[in-house]
């Protein structure tokens, strides 16, 4: 059995701190109005404390370190979101018409952690 590829900078628990939104005239980061965490695991899964899908409760998806993408199965529709790490910050880029992003900060480093 092949060992899953691990990204030690990514395998962590992250807390949402800001959301990049367009207010009509400019795109700015605003403090998150709700609590949310994502947990990237060493087995290429990523768990979200809220649902990845708008119309169903899907809180586990898979990620690819090579592509820097999260792959989500939302019923018949498959979604993907890009992500990037900058130090202890994680940025997830949902598919939006206008520029948008979710900014998280690392709250727990989980290297080698598989649950």
Protein backbone atom coordinates (compact mmCIF):
# COMPACT_ATOMS: atom_id res chain seq x y z
CA UNK A 1 0.00 0.00 0.00
CA UNK A 2 1.36 3.40 -0.99
CA UNK A 3 1.88 5.94 1.79
CA UNK A 4 -0.16 9.15 1.25
CA UNK A 5 1.92 12.20 0.38
CA UNK A 6 2.20 14.54 3.35
CA UNK A 7 2.70 18.27 3.31
CA UNK A 8 4.01 19.17 6.79
CA UNK A 9 3.08 22.84 6.35
CA UNK A 10 -0.53 21.96 5.53
CA UNK A 11 -1.33 19.07 7.90
CA UNK A 12 -2.78 21.21 10.68
CA UNK A 13 -5.99 22.56 12.15
CA UNK A 14 -6.89 26.05 10.94
CA UNK A 15 -9.38 28.64 12.25
CA UNK A 16 -11.25 31.08 9.99
CA UNK A 17 -10.29 34.66 10.83
CA UNK A 18 -11.23 36.79 7.81
CA UNK A 19 -13.27 36.69 4.61
CA UNK A 20 -12.29 38.60 1.46
CA UNK A 21 -15.44 40.27 0.13
CA UNK A 22 -16.41 42.86 -2.43
CA UNK A 23 -18.56 45.62 -0.91
CA UNK A 24 -19.49 47.07 -4.30
CA UNK A 25 -16.62 49.49 -4.56
CA UNK A 26 -13.61 47.54 -3.29
CA UNK A 27 -12.52 44.06 -2.25
CA UNK A 28 -11.35 43.93 1.38
CA UNK A 29 -10.78 41.39 4.15
CA UNK A 30 -13.39 41.59 6.91
CA UNK A 31 -13.42 39.72 10.22
CA UNK A 32 -15.26 36.39 10.02
CA UNK A 33 -18.80 36.67 11.38
CA UNK A 34 -18.96 32.95 12.22
CA UNK A 35 -16.73 30.32 13.77
CA UNK A 36 -15.25 27.68 11.48
CA UNK A 37 -12.25 25.36 11.37
CA UNK A 38 -10.67 23.18 8.72
CA UNK A 39 -8.38 20.28 9.48
CA UNK A 40 -6.00 18.99 6.83
CA UNK A 41 -5.03 15.41 7.64
CA UNK A 42 -2.04 13.35 6.57
CA UNK A 43 -4.33 10.91 4.70
CA UNK A 44 -5.24 13.57 2.06
CA UNK A 45 -8.59 14.35 3.66
CA UNK A 46 -9.72 17.74 4.85
CA UNK A 47 -12.50 18.14 7.40
CA UNK A 48 -14.50 21.34 7.79
CA UNK A 49 -16.55 22.20 10.87
CA UNK A 50 -19.28 23.49 8.54
CA UNK A 51 -20.44 21.97 5.25
CA UNK A 52 -18.38 22.29 2.05
CA UNK A 53 -21.61 22.13 0.00
CA UNK A 54 -24.34 24.76 -0.02
CA UNK A 55 -27.31 22.36 -0.06
CA UNK A 56 -26.06 19.32 1.86
CA UNK A 57 -24.02 18.41 4.91
CA UNK A 58 -20.67 17.33 3.48
CA UNK A 59 -17.86 18.20 5.84
CA UNK A 60 -15.09 15.86 4.60
CA UNK A 61 -13.34 16.30 1.25
CA UNK A 62 -10.01 15.29 -0.29
CA UNK A 63 -7.07 17.49 -1.16
CA UNK A 64 -4.16 17.27 -3.55
CA UNK A 65 -0.82 18.75 -2.42
CA UNK A 66 0.42 18.60 -6.03
CA UNK A 67 -2.47 20.66 -7.42
CA UNK A 68 -3.05 22.79 -4.30
CA UNK A 69 -6.75 21.99 -4.60
CA UNK A 70 -9.55 20.67 -2.41
CA UNK A 71 -11.88 18.26 -4.26
CA UNK A 72 -15.43 18.13 -2.91
CA UNK A 73 -18.24 15.76 -3.85
CA UNK A 74 -21.55 17.61 -3.51
CA UNK A 75 -24.01 15.01 -4.75
CA UNK A 76 -23.89 14.95 -8.55
CA UNK A 77 -21.79 18.11 -8.64
CA UNK A 78 -18.04 17.92 -8.01
CA UNK A 79 -16.43 21.14 -6.80
CA UNK A 80 -12.82 22.14 -6.35
CA UNK A 81 -11.24 25.06 -4.52
CA UNK A 82 -7.66 26.28 -4.67
CA UNK A 83 -5.65 26.85 -1.51
CA UNK A 84 -2.33 28.47 -0.59
CA UNK A 85 -0.21 28.63 2.56
CA UNK A 86 1.70 31.75 3.55
CA UNK A 87 3.49 31.15 6.86
CA UNK A 88 0.89 30.34 9.50
CA UNK A 89 -1.94 31.54 7.25
CA UNK A 90 -4.05 29.39 4.94
CA UNK A 91 -6.08 30.89 2.10
CA UNK A 92 -8.94 28.96 0.49
CA UNK A 93 -10.39 30.36 -2.72
CA UNK A 94 -14.03 29.34 -3.30
CA UNK A 95 -15.50 29.61 -6.78
CA UNK A 96 -16.97 33.13 -6.78
CA UNK A 97 -18.07 35.49 -9.53
CA UNK A 98 -16.07 38.29 -7.91
CA UNK A 99 -12.77 37.89 -6.07
CA UNK A 100 -13.22 36.12 -2.73
CA UNK A 101 -11.14 34.15 -0.23
CA UNK A 102 -11.27 32.62 3.22
CA UNK A 103 -8.29 33.36 5.47
CA UNK A 104 -7.43 30.93 8.29
CA UNK A 105 -4.71 30.90 10.93
CA UNK A 106 -2.98 27.76 12.16
CA UNK A 107 -4.20 26.72 15.61
CA UNK A 108 -2.74 23.21 15.89
CA UNK A 109 0.09 21.52 13.99
CA UNK A 110 -0.86 17.87 13.28
CA UNK A 111 2.17 16.40 11.46
CA UNK A 112 1.73 12.65 11.13
CA UNK A 113 -1.77 12.85 12.59
CA UNK A 114 -4.29 10.44 11.05
CA UNK A 115 -7.68 9.91 12.66
